[in-house]
C-alpha cells in the first residue's frame, strides 16, 4: 500500500531528479533504454523540432523490460521512432548496454566508430532519472555538454502511464541511492543532494521500496 506520506516523499524525489534544462540543438540525441517507451516518444519530438540530426537508442534488456520489450529496449525504441515517421538512417541502435554507464560508453563507442563528431548530447531518460543520467554521462564522457530532457509529466500521471506505481517508487528510490553511493565508486560525478531529499529517500527505503537498490559496499 502506498500511503500519503509515501506520495509526498516520492514527489520530492521526482522534483529533485528533474534537471530543469531547456532543450536546445545538440550534435546527437541519446535515448536511454528502460521499461518506458515514452523515452522514444520524447526523442522523436525533439528530432522533429530539428534539435538533433541523429538519434542513438541504447539498451539491451533487464528484469523489468524482458517481458515488455523482448527484442531489446533499443530495438523497440527504434521501431517506435520509425512508426512515428523518423527516417531509418537517422536512428542508430546500441543493443548491448545493461546499465546507465554502459549506455553512455557504448553509445560513445558507436558514434566514434561511425565518425560522428560530438560536442553536445541531448540526453533523454525517464523523468526521474535525469540527474542520475547527467551525473553518469559527465563522469564517462568529459568535455561534452549534456542537456537533459524527459517527458513533461507530473508523478501521478507518469505512474498511471506505467501502470505500476510501486515500480515507479522503487525506481525513484534506486535513482537517488545511486547519486549517494556511485560517486565514491567512480561511476558518476558527485552532485549535491539536499538533506530533505535524503530524508525522503530513507523513509521510502525503510518503507520497503527497495527492489531497485544496489549493494552500497
N, C-alpha and C. Protein backbone atom coordinates (compact mmCIF):
# COMPACT_ATOMS: atom_id res chain seq x y z
N UNK A 1 0.84 -1.20 0.00
CA UNK A 1 0.00 0.00 0.00
C UNK A 1 0.88 1.25 0.00
N UNK A 2 0.56 2.20 -0.85
CA UNK A 2 1.29 3.47 -0.91
C UNK A 2 0.52 4.50 -0.09
N UNK A 3 1.14 5.02 0.96
CA UNK A 3 0.50 5.96 1.86
C UNK A 3 0.63 7.40 1.35
N UNK A 4 -0.08 8.30 2.00
CA UNK A 4 0.02 9.72 1.65
C UNK A 4 1.45 10.24 1.87
N UNK A 5 2.09 9.78 2.95
CA UNK A 5 3.48 10.18 3.20
C UNK A 5 4.40 9.66 2.11
N UNK A 6 4.17 8.42 1.67
CA UNK A 6 4.96 7.87 0.56
C UNK A 6 4.82 8.75 -0.67
N UNK A 7 3.60 9.18 -0.94
CA UNK A 7 3.36 10.02 -2.11
C UNK A 7 4.08 11.35 -2.02
N UNK A 8 4.07 11.96 -0.83
CA UNK A 8 4.77 13.23 -0.64
C UNK A 8 6.28 13.06 -0.81
N UNK A 9 6.81 11.99 -0.23
CA UNK A 9 8.25 11.74 -0.36
C UNK A 9 8.62 11.45 -1.82
N UNK A 10 7.79 10.69 -2.50
CA UNK A 10 8.07 10.37 -3.89
C UNK A 10 8.07 11.61 -4.76
N UNK A 11 7.14 12.53 -4.52
CA UNK A 11 7.11 13.78 -5.30
C UNK A 11 8.36 14.61 -5.06
N UNK A 12 8.89 14.58 -3.84
CA UNK A 12 10.12 15.30 -3.55
C UNK A 12 11.28 14.73 -4.35
N UNK A 13 11.39 13.40 -4.39
CA UNK A 13 12.45 12.76 -5.17
C UNK A 13 12.26 13.03 -6.66
N UNK A 14 11.02 12.99 -7.11
CA UNK A 14 10.69 13.24 -8.52
C UNK A 14 11.14 14.64 -8.93
N UNK A 15 10.77 15.63 -8.15
CA UNK A 15 11.12 17.00 -8.48
C UNK A 15 12.63 17.21 -8.46
N UNK A 16 13.31 16.57 -7.51
CA UNK A 16 14.75 16.72 -7.41
C UNK A 16 15.47 16.15 -8.63
N UNK A 17 14.97 15.07 -9.15
CA UNK A 17 15.65 14.42 -10.27
C UNK A 17 15.57 15.23 -11.56
N UNK A 18 14.61 16.12 -11.69
CA UNK A 18 14.49 16.91 -12.90
C UNK A 18 15.58 17.98 -12.92
N UNK A 19 16.35 18.03 -14.00
CA UNK A 19 17.46 18.97 -14.09
C UNK A 19 17.03 20.38 -14.48
N UNK A 20 15.88 20.52 -15.11
CA UNK A 20 15.39 21.83 -15.49
C UNK A 20 16.09 22.42 -16.70
N UNK A 21 16.73 21.58 -17.52
CA UNK A 21 17.38 22.07 -18.72
C UNK A 21 16.34 22.41 -19.78
N UNK A 22 16.59 23.45 -20.53
CA UNK A 22 15.77 23.75 -21.69
C UNK A 22 16.35 23.08 -22.92
N UNK A 23 15.59 22.24 -23.63
CA UNK A 23 16.12 21.57 -24.81
C UNK A 23 16.68 22.58 -25.82
N UNK A 24 17.81 22.25 -26.40
CA UNK A 24 18.45 23.10 -27.41
C UNK A 24 19.22 22.23 -28.39
N UNK A 25 19.59 22.78 -29.53
CA UNK A 25 20.26 21.96 -30.55
C UNK A 25 21.55 21.32 -30.01
N UNK A 26 21.73 20.03 -30.35
CA UNK A 26 22.91 19.28 -29.94
C UNK A 26 23.42 18.44 -31.10
N UNK A 27 24.63 17.94 -30.96
CA UNK A 27 25.24 17.13 -32.01
C UNK A 27 24.45 15.85 -32.28
N UNK A 28 23.92 15.26 -31.21
CA UNK A 28 23.24 13.97 -31.32
C UNK A 28 22.28 13.84 -30.14
N UNK A 29 21.26 13.02 -30.31
CA UNK A 29 20.38 12.65 -29.21
C UNK A 29 20.64 11.22 -28.79
N UNK A 30 20.67 10.97 -27.49
CA UNK A 30 20.83 9.61 -26.97
C UNK A 30 19.65 9.31 -26.06
N UNK A 31 18.89 8.28 -26.42
CA UNK A 31 17.74 7.85 -25.63
C UNK A 31 18.11 6.62 -24.81
N UNK A 32 18.01 6.73 -23.49
CA UNK A 32 18.44 5.67 -22.59
C UNK A 32 17.34 4.63 -22.44
N UNK A 33 17.69 3.38 -22.72
CA UNK A 33 16.73 2.30 -22.66
C UNK A 33 16.17 2.08 -21.27
N UNK A 34 14.92 1.62 -21.23
CA UNK A 34 14.23 1.34 -19.97
C UNK A 34 12.92 0.65 -20.30
N UNK A 35 12.07 0.50 -19.27
CA UNK A 35 10.73 -0.07 -19.47
C UNK A 35 9.77 0.93 -20.09
N UNK A 36 10.19 2.19 -20.22
CA UNK A 36 9.30 3.29 -20.59
C UNK A 36 9.49 3.67 -22.06
N UNK A 37 8.53 3.26 -22.89
CA UNK A 37 8.60 3.58 -24.31
C UNK A 37 8.42 5.07 -24.56
N UNK A 38 7.96 5.80 -23.56
CA UNK A 38 7.81 7.24 -23.69
C UNK A 38 9.13 7.96 -23.94
N UNK A 39 10.25 7.35 -23.56
CA UNK A 39 11.55 7.95 -23.87
C UNK A 39 11.70 8.11 -25.37
N UNK A 40 11.29 7.10 -26.12
CA UNK A 40 11.36 7.19 -27.58
C UNK A 40 10.44 8.29 -28.10
N UNK A 41 9.26 8.42 -27.52
CA UNK A 41 8.33 9.46 -27.97
C UNK A 41 8.91 10.86 -27.76
N UNK A 42 9.56 11.07 -26.61
CA UNK A 42 10.17 12.36 -26.34
C UNK A 42 11.28 12.64 -27.34
N UNK A 43 12.09 11.63 -27.61
CA UNK A 43 13.19 11.82 -28.56
C UNK A 43 12.66 12.14 -29.96
N UNK A 44 11.60 11.49 -30.35
CA UNK A 44 11.01 11.77 -31.66
C UNK A 44 10.56 13.23 -31.72
N UNK A 45 9.94 13.72 -30.66
CA UNK A 45 9.50 15.11 -30.64
C UNK A 45 10.66 16.07 -30.77
N UNK A 46 11.77 15.78 -30.12
CA UNK A 46 12.95 16.64 -30.20
C UNK A 46 13.58 16.58 -31.59
N UNK A 47 13.57 15.40 -32.18
CA UNK A 47 14.08 15.26 -33.55
C UNK A 47 13.22 16.08 -34.52
N UNK A 48 11.92 16.01 -34.35
CA UNK A 48 11.02 16.75 -35.24
C UNK A 48 11.20 18.26 -35.11
N UNK A 49 11.63 18.71 -33.92
CA UNK A 49 11.90 20.13 -33.74
C UNK A 49 13.22 20.56 -34.37
N UNK A 50 13.97 19.61 -34.90
CA UNK A 50 15.24 19.93 -35.52
C UNK A 50 16.37 20.13 -34.52
N UNK A 51 16.21 19.61 -33.31
CA UNK A 51 17.23 19.82 -32.28
C UNK A 51 18.40 18.85 -32.40
N UNK A 52 18.19 17.70 -33.05
CA UNK A 52 19.27 16.74 -33.29
C UNK A 52 19.12 16.17 -34.70
N UNK A 53 20.27 15.95 -35.38
CA UNK A 53 20.21 15.35 -36.71
C UNK A 53 20.27 13.83 -36.68
N UNK A 54 20.65 13.28 -35.54
CA UNK A 54 20.88 11.84 -35.42
C UNK A 54 20.50 11.40 -34.01
N UNK A 55 19.93 10.19 -33.92
CA UNK A 55 19.47 9.64 -32.65
C UNK A 55 20.14 8.29 -32.41
N UNK A 56 20.58 8.07 -31.19
CA UNK A 56 21.04 6.74 -30.75
C UNK A 56 20.09 6.25 -29.67
N UNK A 57 19.53 5.08 -29.86
CA UNK A 57 18.78 4.41 -28.80
C UNK A 57 19.66 3.30 -28.25
N UNK A 58 19.80 3.23 -26.93
CA UNK A 58 20.73 2.30 -26.31
C UNK A 58 20.05 1.50 -25.21
N UNK A 59 20.26 0.18 -25.23
CA UNK A 59 19.71 -0.66 -24.18
C UNK A 59 19.45 -2.08 -24.64
N UNK A 60 19.79 -3.04 -23.80
CA UNK A 60 19.51 -4.45 -24.05
C UNK A 60 18.18 -4.79 -23.38
N UNK A 61 18.20 -5.69 -22.42
CA UNK A 61 17.01 -6.00 -21.62
C UNK A 61 17.42 -6.09 -20.16
N UNK A 62 16.45 -6.05 -19.29
CA UNK A 62 16.66 -6.18 -17.86
C UNK A 62 15.48 -6.94 -17.30
N UNK A 63 15.51 -7.29 -16.02
CA UNK A 63 14.36 -7.99 -15.45
C UNK A 63 13.05 -7.23 -15.60
N UNK A 64 13.11 -5.88 -15.64
CA UNK A 64 11.87 -5.10 -15.76
C UNK A 64 11.45 -4.87 -17.20
N UNK A 65 12.28 -5.25 -18.18
CA UNK A 65 11.92 -5.00 -19.58
C UNK A 65 11.84 -6.28 -20.41
N UNK A 66 12.24 -7.39 -19.85
CA UNK A 66 12.30 -8.62 -20.63
C UNK A 66 10.95 -8.99 -21.24
N UNK A 67 9.89 -8.83 -20.47
CA UNK A 67 8.56 -9.17 -20.98
C UNK A 67 7.99 -8.04 -21.83
N UNK A 68 8.24 -6.78 -21.44
CA UNK A 68 7.69 -5.64 -22.17
C UNK A 68 8.38 -5.44 -23.51
N UNK A 69 9.70 -5.70 -23.56
CA UNK A 69 10.49 -5.41 -24.76
C UNK A 69 11.41 -6.59 -25.07
N UNK A 70 10.84 -7.69 -25.52
CA UNK A 70 11.63 -8.92 -25.69
C UNK A 70 12.73 -8.81 -26.74
N UNK A 71 12.61 -7.89 -27.68
CA UNK A 71 13.65 -7.75 -28.71
C UNK A 71 14.76 -6.80 -28.27
N UNK A 72 14.66 -6.26 -27.07
CA UNK A 72 15.65 -5.33 -26.55
C UNK A 72 15.10 -3.91 -26.55
N UNK A 73 15.48 -3.15 -25.54
CA UNK A 73 14.96 -1.80 -25.36
C UNK A 73 15.26 -0.90 -26.55
N UNK A 74 16.51 -0.89 -27.00
CA UNK A 74 16.89 -0.01 -28.10
C UNK A 74 16.15 -0.37 -29.38
N UNK A 75 15.96 -1.66 -29.62
CA UNK A 75 15.26 -2.09 -30.83
C UNK A 75 13.80 -1.64 -30.78
N UNK A 76 13.14 -1.81 -29.65
CA UNK A 76 11.75 -1.37 -29.52
C UNK A 76 11.65 0.16 -29.65
N UNK A 77 12.61 0.88 -29.09
CA UNK A 77 12.62 2.33 -29.22
C UNK A 77 12.73 2.72 -30.70
N UNK A 78 13.64 2.08 -31.41
CA UNK A 78 13.82 2.39 -32.84
C UNK A 78 12.55 2.11 -33.62
N UNK A 79 11.93 0.98 -33.34
CA UNK A 79 10.69 0.64 -34.03
C UNK A 79 9.63 1.71 -33.78
N UNK A 80 9.56 2.18 -32.55
CA UNK A 80 8.61 3.24 -32.22
C UNK A 80 8.91 4.51 -32.99
N UNK A 81 10.18 4.88 -33.07
CA UNK A 81 10.56 6.09 -33.79
C UNK A 81 10.22 5.98 -35.28
N UNK A 82 10.46 4.82 -35.86
CA UNK A 82 10.13 4.63 -37.28
C UNK A 82 8.62 4.69 -37.50
N UNK A 83 7.85 4.12 -36.57
CA UNK A 83 6.39 4.20 -36.66
C UNK A 83 5.92 5.64 -36.67
N UNK A 84 6.64 6.49 -35.93
CA UNK A 84 6.26 7.90 -35.82
C UNK A 84 6.88 8.77 -36.91
N UNK A 85 7.53 8.14 -37.88
CA UNK A 85 7.97 8.87 -39.06
C UNK A 85 9.41 9.30 -39.11
N UNK A 86 10.23 8.92 -38.14
CA UNK A 86 11.65 9.27 -38.20
C UNK A 86 12.31 8.37 -39.24
N UNK A 87 13.11 8.91 -40.17
CA UNK A 87 13.76 8.07 -41.19
C UNK A 87 14.77 7.11 -40.58
N UNK A 88 14.85 5.92 -41.13
CA UNK A 88 15.71 4.90 -40.57
C UNK A 88 17.16 5.29 -40.49
N UNK A 89 17.63 6.09 -41.47
CA UNK A 89 19.05 6.44 -41.45
C UNK A 89 19.39 7.49 -40.40
N UNK A 90 18.39 7.98 -39.69
CA UNK A 90 18.62 8.95 -38.61
C UNK A 90 18.61 8.30 -37.24
N UNK A 91 18.46 6.96 -37.19
CA UNK A 91 18.34 6.26 -35.91
C UNK A 91 19.34 5.12 -35.84
N UNK A 92 20.25 5.20 -34.89
CA UNK A 92 21.21 4.13 -34.63
C UNK A 92 20.77 3.35 -33.39
N UNK A 93 21.13 2.08 -33.36
CA UNK A 93 20.79 1.20 -32.24
C UNK A 93 22.06 0.69 -31.58
N UNK A 94 22.12 0.85 -30.27
CA UNK A 94 23.18 0.26 -29.46
C UNK A 94 22.49 -0.77 -28.58
N UNK A 95 22.61 -2.08 -28.88
CA UNK A 95 21.77 -3.08 -28.24
C UNK A 95 22.37 -3.84 -27.07
N UNK A 96 23.55 -3.42 -26.57
CA UNK A 96 24.24 -4.25 -25.57
C UNK A 96 24.13 -3.72 -24.14
N UNK A 97 23.91 -2.43 -23.97
CA UNK A 97 24.03 -1.80 -22.65
C UNK A 97 22.99 -2.33 -21.67
N UNK A 98 23.45 -2.61 -20.45
CA UNK A 98 22.56 -3.11 -19.40
C UNK A 98 22.51 -2.22 -18.18
N UNK A 99 23.16 -1.06 -18.24
CA UNK A 99 23.07 -0.08 -17.17
C UNK A 99 23.41 1.29 -17.76
N UNK A 100 23.26 2.33 -16.96
CA UNK A 100 23.43 3.69 -17.49
C UNK A 100 24.87 3.94 -17.93
N UNK A 101 25.82 3.42 -17.17
CA UNK A 101 27.21 3.60 -17.58
C UNK A 101 27.49 2.98 -18.93
N UNK A 102 26.98 1.78 -19.16
CA UNK A 102 27.17 1.14 -20.46
C UNK A 102 26.40 1.88 -21.56
N UNK A 103 25.23 2.43 -21.22
CA UNK A 103 24.51 3.25 -22.20
C UNK A 103 25.42 4.33 -22.76
N UNK A 104 26.13 5.02 -21.87
CA UNK A 104 26.98 6.12 -22.29
C UNK A 104 28.23 5.61 -23.01
N UNK A 105 28.91 4.66 -22.42
CA UNK A 105 30.17 4.17 -23.00
C UNK A 105 29.95 3.55 -24.37
N UNK A 106 28.94 2.70 -24.48
CA UNK A 106 28.72 2.02 -25.75
C UNK A 106 28.20 2.97 -26.82
N UNK A 107 27.38 3.94 -26.42
CA UNK A 107 26.92 4.94 -27.40
C UNK A 107 28.09 5.78 -27.90
N UNK A 108 28.97 6.15 -26.99
CA UNK A 108 30.16 6.91 -27.38
C UNK A 108 31.00 6.12 -28.38
N UNK A 109 31.20 4.82 -28.09
CA UNK A 109 31.98 3.98 -28.99
C UNK A 109 31.29 3.85 -30.35
N UNK A 110 29.99 3.68 -30.36
CA UNK A 110 29.25 3.55 -31.61
C UNK A 110 29.40 4.79 -32.47
N UNK A 111 29.24 5.96 -31.85
CA UNK A 111 29.34 7.21 -32.61
C UNK A 111 30.76 7.44 -33.11
N UNK A 112 31.75 7.11 -32.29
CA UNK A 112 33.14 7.26 -32.72
C UNK A 112 33.42 6.35 -33.91
N UNK A 113 32.88 5.13 -33.85
CA UNK A 113 33.08 4.20 -34.96
C UNK A 113 32.43 4.64 -36.25
N UNK A 114 31.38 5.44 -36.13
CA UNK A 114 30.71 5.99 -37.32
C UNK A 114 31.34 7.32 -37.76
N UNK A 115 32.33 7.79 -37.02
CA UNK A 115 32.97 9.06 -37.37
C UNK A 115 32.13 10.28 -37.08
N UNK A 116 31.19 10.16 -36.12
CA UNK A 116 30.32 11.28 -35.77
C UNK A 116 31.03 12.17 -34.75
N UNK A 117 31.19 13.44 -35.06
CA UNK A 117 31.80 14.39 -34.13
C UNK A 117 30.75 14.85 -33.12
N UNK A 118 31.08 14.74 -31.84
CA UNK A 118 30.11 15.05 -30.78
C UNK A 118 30.72 16.06 -29.81
N UNK A 119 30.07 17.20 -29.69
CA UNK A 119 30.46 18.14 -28.62
C UNK A 119 29.30 18.43 -27.68
N UNK A 120 28.09 17.94 -28.04
CA UNK A 120 26.93 18.11 -27.16
C UNK A 120 25.96 16.96 -27.40
N UNK A 121 25.28 16.56 -26.33
CA UNK A 121 24.34 15.44 -26.40
C UNK A 121 23.03 15.85 -25.75
N UNK A 122 21.93 15.63 -26.46
CA UNK A 122 20.59 15.77 -25.88
C UNK A 122 20.25 14.41 -25.29
N UNK A 123 20.29 14.32 -23.95
CA UNK A 123 20.20 13.05 -23.25
C UNK A 123 18.77 12.86 -22.73
N UNK A 124 18.09 11.88 -23.28
CA UNK A 124 16.68 11.65 -22.94
C UNK A 124 16.56 10.41 -22.07
N UNK A 125 15.89 10.57 -20.95
CA UNK A 125 15.72 9.48 -19.99
C UNK A 125 14.30 9.52 -19.45
N UNK A 126 14.01 8.62 -18.52
CA UNK A 126 12.78 8.73 -17.76
C UNK A 126 12.84 9.99 -16.91
N UNK A 127 11.70 10.59 -16.57
CA UNK A 127 11.72 11.85 -15.83
C UNK A 127 12.48 11.77 -14.51
N UNK A 128 12.40 10.64 -13.83
CA UNK A 128 13.01 10.55 -12.51
C UNK A 128 14.46 10.06 -12.55
N UNK A 129 15.06 10.04 -13.74
CA UNK A 129 16.46 9.64 -13.83
C UNK A 129 17.31 10.67 -14.56
N UNK A 130 16.79 11.88 -14.73
CA UNK A 130 17.58 12.90 -15.41
C UNK A 130 18.89 13.17 -14.68
N UNK A 131 18.81 13.40 -13.38
CA UNK A 131 20.01 13.79 -12.63
C UNK A 131 21.02 12.65 -12.58
N UNK A 132 20.52 11.44 -12.39
CA UNK A 132 21.40 10.27 -12.39
C UNK A 132 22.08 10.11 -13.74
N UNK A 133 21.32 10.25 -14.82
CA UNK A 133 21.89 10.12 -16.16
C UNK A 133 22.94 11.19 -16.42
N UNK A 134 22.64 12.41 -15.99
CA UNK A 134 23.57 13.52 -16.19
C UNK A 134 24.89 13.27 -15.45
N UNK A 135 24.80 12.86 -14.18
CA UNK A 135 26.00 12.63 -13.38
C UNK A 135 26.85 11.51 -13.97
N UNK A 136 26.20 10.49 -14.49
CA UNK A 136 26.92 9.38 -15.10
C UNK A 136 27.60 9.82 -16.40
N UNK A 137 26.86 10.51 -17.24
CA UNK A 137 27.40 10.94 -18.53
C UNK A 137 28.58 11.88 -18.36
N UNK A 138 28.48 12.81 -17.41
CA UNK A 138 29.59 13.75 -17.19
C UNK A 138 30.84 13.04 -16.72
N UNK A 139 30.69 11.97 -15.97
CA UNK A 139 31.84 11.20 -15.50
C UNK A 139 32.50 10.43 -16.63
N UNK A 140 31.70 9.85 -17.50
CA UNK A 140 32.22 8.93 -18.51
C UNK A 140 32.55 9.58 -19.84
N UNK A 141 32.07 10.80 -20.06
CA UNK A 141 32.31 11.46 -21.35
C UNK A 141 32.65 12.92 -21.09
N UNK A 142 33.79 13.18 -20.48
CA UNK A 142 34.17 14.57 -20.16
C UNK A 142 34.40 15.38 -21.43
N UNK A 143 34.17 16.68 -21.32
CA UNK A 143 34.37 17.57 -22.46
C UNK A 143 33.17 17.71 -23.36
N UNK A 144 32.12 16.96 -23.07
CA UNK A 144 30.88 17.03 -23.85
C UNK A 144 29.80 17.70 -23.00
N UNK A 145 29.02 18.57 -23.62
CA UNK A 145 27.91 19.21 -22.92
C UNK A 145 26.69 18.30 -22.98
N UNK A 146 26.07 18.06 -21.83
CA UNK A 146 24.88 17.22 -21.77
C UNK A 146 23.67 18.07 -21.41
N UNK A 147 22.63 17.94 -22.22
CA UNK A 147 21.37 18.62 -22.00
C UNK A 147 20.31 17.55 -21.74
N UNK A 148 19.70 17.57 -20.59
CA UNK A 148 18.75 16.52 -20.20
C UNK A 148 17.33 16.86 -20.61
N UNK A 149 16.60 15.85 -21.00
CA UNK A 149 15.19 16.02 -21.36
C UNK A 149 14.43 14.75 -20.99
N UNK A 150 13.15 14.90 -20.75
CA UNK A 150 12.27 13.77 -20.45
C UNK A 150 10.84 14.22 -20.67
N UNK A 151 9.92 13.30 -20.51
CA UNK A 151 8.50 13.62 -20.70
C UNK A 151 8.06 14.66 -19.68
N UNK A 152 7.36 15.72 -20.10
CA UNK A 152 6.91 16.77 -19.17
C UNK A 152 5.66 16.34 -18.42
N UNK A 153 5.83 15.40 -17.52
CA UNK A 153 4.71 14.82 -16.79
C UNK A 153 4.94 14.96 -15.30
N UNK A 154 3.84 15.05 -14.55
CA UNK A 154 3.92 15.01 -13.10
C UNK A 154 3.84 13.54 -12.64
N UNK A 155 4.24 13.30 -11.41
CA UNK A 155 4.37 11.94 -10.92
C UNK A 155 3.08 11.12 -11.01
N UNK A 156 1.92 11.62 -10.57
CA UNK A 156 0.72 10.78 -10.66
C UNK A 156 0.39 10.37 -12.09
N UNK A 157 0.52 11.30 -13.02
CA UNK A 157 0.24 10.99 -14.42
C UNK A 157 1.23 9.95 -14.94
N UNK A 158 2.50 10.12 -14.55
CA UNK A 158 3.51 9.18 -15.02
C UNK A 158 3.26 7.78 -14.46
N UNK A 159 2.97 7.69 -13.17
CA UNK A 159 2.72 6.39 -12.56
C UNK A 159 1.53 5.70 -13.22
N UNK A 160 0.49 6.47 -13.55
CA UNK A 160 -0.67 5.90 -14.25
C UNK A 160 -0.27 5.38 -15.63
N UNK A 161 0.62 6.12 -16.32
CA UNK A 161 1.02 5.70 -17.67
C UNK A 161 1.83 4.42 -17.64
N UNK A 162 2.59 4.20 -16.58
CA UNK A 162 3.39 2.98 -16.44
C UNK A 162 2.52 1.82 -15.97
N UNK A 163 1.51 2.13 -15.16
CA UNK A 163 0.60 1.09 -14.69
C UNK A 163 1.09 0.32 -13.48
N UNK A 164 2.18 0.79 -12.86
CA UNK A 164 2.74 0.09 -11.70
C UNK A 164 3.36 1.12 -10.77
N UNK A 165 2.55 1.80 -9.93
CA UNK A 165 3.08 2.84 -9.05
C UNK A 165 4.19 2.35 -8.12
N UNK A 166 4.08 1.12 -7.64
CA UNK A 166 5.11 0.60 -6.74
C UNK A 166 6.45 0.52 -7.47
N UNK A 167 6.44 0.08 -8.72
CA UNK A 167 7.67 0.03 -9.50
C UNK A 167 8.28 1.42 -9.66
N UNK A 168 7.43 2.41 -9.91
CA UNK A 168 7.94 3.77 -10.07
C UNK A 168 8.60 4.25 -8.79
N UNK A 169 8.01 3.99 -7.63
CA UNK A 169 8.63 4.39 -6.38
C UNK A 169 9.92 3.63 -6.12
N UNK A 170 9.94 2.35 -6.46
CA UNK A 170 11.19 1.59 -6.35
C UNK A 170 12.28 2.24 -7.20
N UNK A 171 11.94 2.63 -8.41
CA UNK A 171 12.91 3.24 -9.32
C UNK A 171 13.39 4.59 -8.78
N UNK A 172 12.47 5.38 -8.24
CA UNK A 172 12.85 6.66 -7.66
C UNK A 172 13.86 6.49 -6.53
N UNK A 173 13.59 5.53 -5.66
CA UNK A 173 14.49 5.27 -4.54
C UNK A 173 15.85 4.81 -5.05
N UNK A 174 15.84 3.92 -6.03
CA UNK A 174 17.11 3.43 -6.58
C UNK A 174 17.92 4.52 -7.25
N UNK A 175 17.26 5.44 -7.93
CA UNK A 175 17.97 6.52 -8.61
C UNK A 175 18.66 7.44 -7.62
N UNK A 176 18.00 7.75 -6.50
CA UNK A 176 18.62 8.61 -5.51
C UNK A 176 19.76 7.88 -4.79
N UNK A 177 19.54 6.60 -4.49
CA UNK A 177 20.62 5.86 -3.85
C UNK A 177 21.90 5.89 -4.69
N UNK A 178 21.77 5.76 -5.99
CA UNK A 178 22.95 5.77 -6.85
C UNK A 178 23.67 7.12 -6.80
N UNK A 179 22.91 8.20 -6.71
CA UNK A 179 23.54 9.52 -6.58
C UNK A 179 24.35 9.61 -5.29
N UNK A 180 23.94 8.86 -4.27
CA UNK A 180 24.62 8.91 -2.98
C UNK A 180 25.85 8.01 -2.92
N UNK A 181 25.80 6.85 -3.59
CA UNK A 181 26.88 5.88 -3.42
C UNK A 181 27.80 5.73 -4.63
N UNK A 182 27.31 6.04 -5.82
CA UNK A 182 28.13 5.78 -7.02
C UNK A 182 29.32 6.72 -7.20
N UNK A 183 29.25 8.00 -6.78
CA UNK A 183 30.43 8.85 -6.97
C UNK A 183 31.69 8.27 -6.33
N UNK A 184 31.58 7.71 -5.15
CA UNK A 184 32.75 7.13 -4.47
C UNK A 184 33.27 5.91 -5.20
N UNK A 185 32.43 5.27 -5.99
CA UNK A 185 32.84 4.10 -6.76
C UNK A 185 33.33 4.46 -8.16
N UNK A 186 33.31 5.76 -8.48
CA UNK A 186 33.82 6.21 -9.77
C UNK A 186 32.86 6.11 -10.92
N UNK A 187 31.56 5.85 -10.63
CA UNK A 187 30.59 5.65 -11.69
C UNK A 187 29.94 6.94 -12.17
N UNK A 188 29.99 7.99 -11.35
CA UNK A 188 29.37 9.25 -11.74
C UNK A 188 30.03 10.38 -10.97
N UNK A 189 29.83 11.61 -11.45
CA UNK A 189 30.32 12.75 -10.70
C UNK A 189 29.43 12.96 -9.48
N UNK A 190 29.96 13.67 -8.49
CA UNK A 190 29.18 13.94 -7.29
C UNK A 190 28.34 15.20 -7.49
N UNK A 191 27.07 15.09 -7.23
CA UNK A 191 26.16 16.22 -7.25
C UNK A 191 25.55 16.37 -5.86
N UNK A 192 25.35 17.60 -5.40
CA UNK A 192 24.79 17.77 -4.06
C UNK A 192 23.37 17.24 -3.97
N UNK A 193 23.08 16.56 -2.87
CA UNK A 193 21.74 16.03 -2.60
C UNK A 193 21.24 16.67 -1.31
N UNK A 194 20.19 17.49 -1.38
CA UNK A 194 19.70 18.17 -0.17
C UNK A 194 19.29 17.18 0.93
N UNK A 195 19.43 17.61 2.16
CA UNK A 195 19.09 16.75 3.28
C UNK A 195 17.62 16.33 3.26
N UNK A 196 16.75 17.20 2.76
CA UNK A 196 15.33 16.85 2.68
C UNK A 196 15.09 15.69 1.71
N UNK A 197 15.88 15.66 0.64
CA UNK A 197 15.76 14.57 -0.32
C UNK A 197 16.31 13.27 0.28
N UNK A 198 17.43 13.37 0.99
CA UNK A 198 17.99 12.19 1.65
C UNK A 198 16.99 11.62 2.66
N UNK A 199 16.35 12.48 3.42
CA UNK A 199 15.38 12.02 4.41
C UNK A 199 14.19 11.33 3.75
N UNK A 200 13.70 11.89 2.65
CA UNK A 200 12.58 11.28 1.93
C UNK A 200 12.99 9.93 1.36
N UNK A 201 14.18 9.87 0.80
CA UNK A 201 14.72 8.61 0.27
C UNK A 201 14.78 7.55 1.38
N UNK A 202 15.30 7.93 2.53
CA UNK A 202 15.44 6.97 3.62
C UNK A 202 14.09 6.48 4.12
N UNK A 203 13.10 7.37 4.18
CA UNK A 203 11.76 6.93 4.61
C UNK A 203 11.18 5.92 3.62
N UNK A 204 11.30 6.20 2.33
CA UNK A 204 10.77 5.27 1.33
C UNK A 204 11.53 3.95 1.34
N UNK A 205 12.83 4.04 1.49
CA UNK A 205 13.64 2.82 1.58
C UNK A 205 13.20 1.97 2.76
N UNK A 206 13.01 2.62 3.91
CA UNK A 206 12.63 1.90 5.12
C UNK A 206 11.20 1.37 5.04
N UNK A 207 10.40 1.96 4.18
CA UNK A 207 9.02 1.50 3.97
C UNK A 207 8.96 0.30 3.02
N UNK A 208 10.11 -0.06 2.43
CA UNK A 208 10.15 -1.28 1.62
C UNK A 208 10.23 -1.08 0.13
N UNK A 209 10.46 0.16 -0.32
CA UNK A 209 10.60 0.40 -1.76
C UNK A 209 12.07 0.18 -2.14
N UNK A 210 12.44 -1.09 -2.20
CA UNK A 210 13.86 -1.46 -2.25
C UNK A 210 14.25 -2.32 -3.45
N UNK A 211 13.32 -2.58 -4.34
CA UNK A 211 13.62 -3.54 -5.41
C UNK A 211 14.70 -3.06 -6.37
N UNK A 212 14.97 -1.75 -6.41
CA UNK A 212 15.98 -1.23 -7.34
C UNK A 212 17.23 -0.73 -6.62
N UNK A 213 17.41 -1.11 -5.38
CA UNK A 213 18.62 -0.73 -4.67
C UNK A 213 19.79 -1.61 -5.11
N UNK A 214 21.00 -1.04 -5.02
CA UNK A 214 22.22 -1.77 -5.32
C UNK A 214 23.04 -1.91 -4.04
N UNK A 215 23.93 -2.88 -4.02
CA UNK A 215 24.82 -3.05 -2.88
C UNK A 215 25.71 -1.81 -2.78
N UNK A 216 25.79 -1.24 -1.59
CA UNK A 216 26.50 0.03 -1.42
C UNK A 216 27.94 -0.15 -0.98
N UNK A 217 28.40 -1.37 -0.86
CA UNK A 217 29.76 -1.62 -0.37
C UNK A 217 30.87 -1.32 -1.34
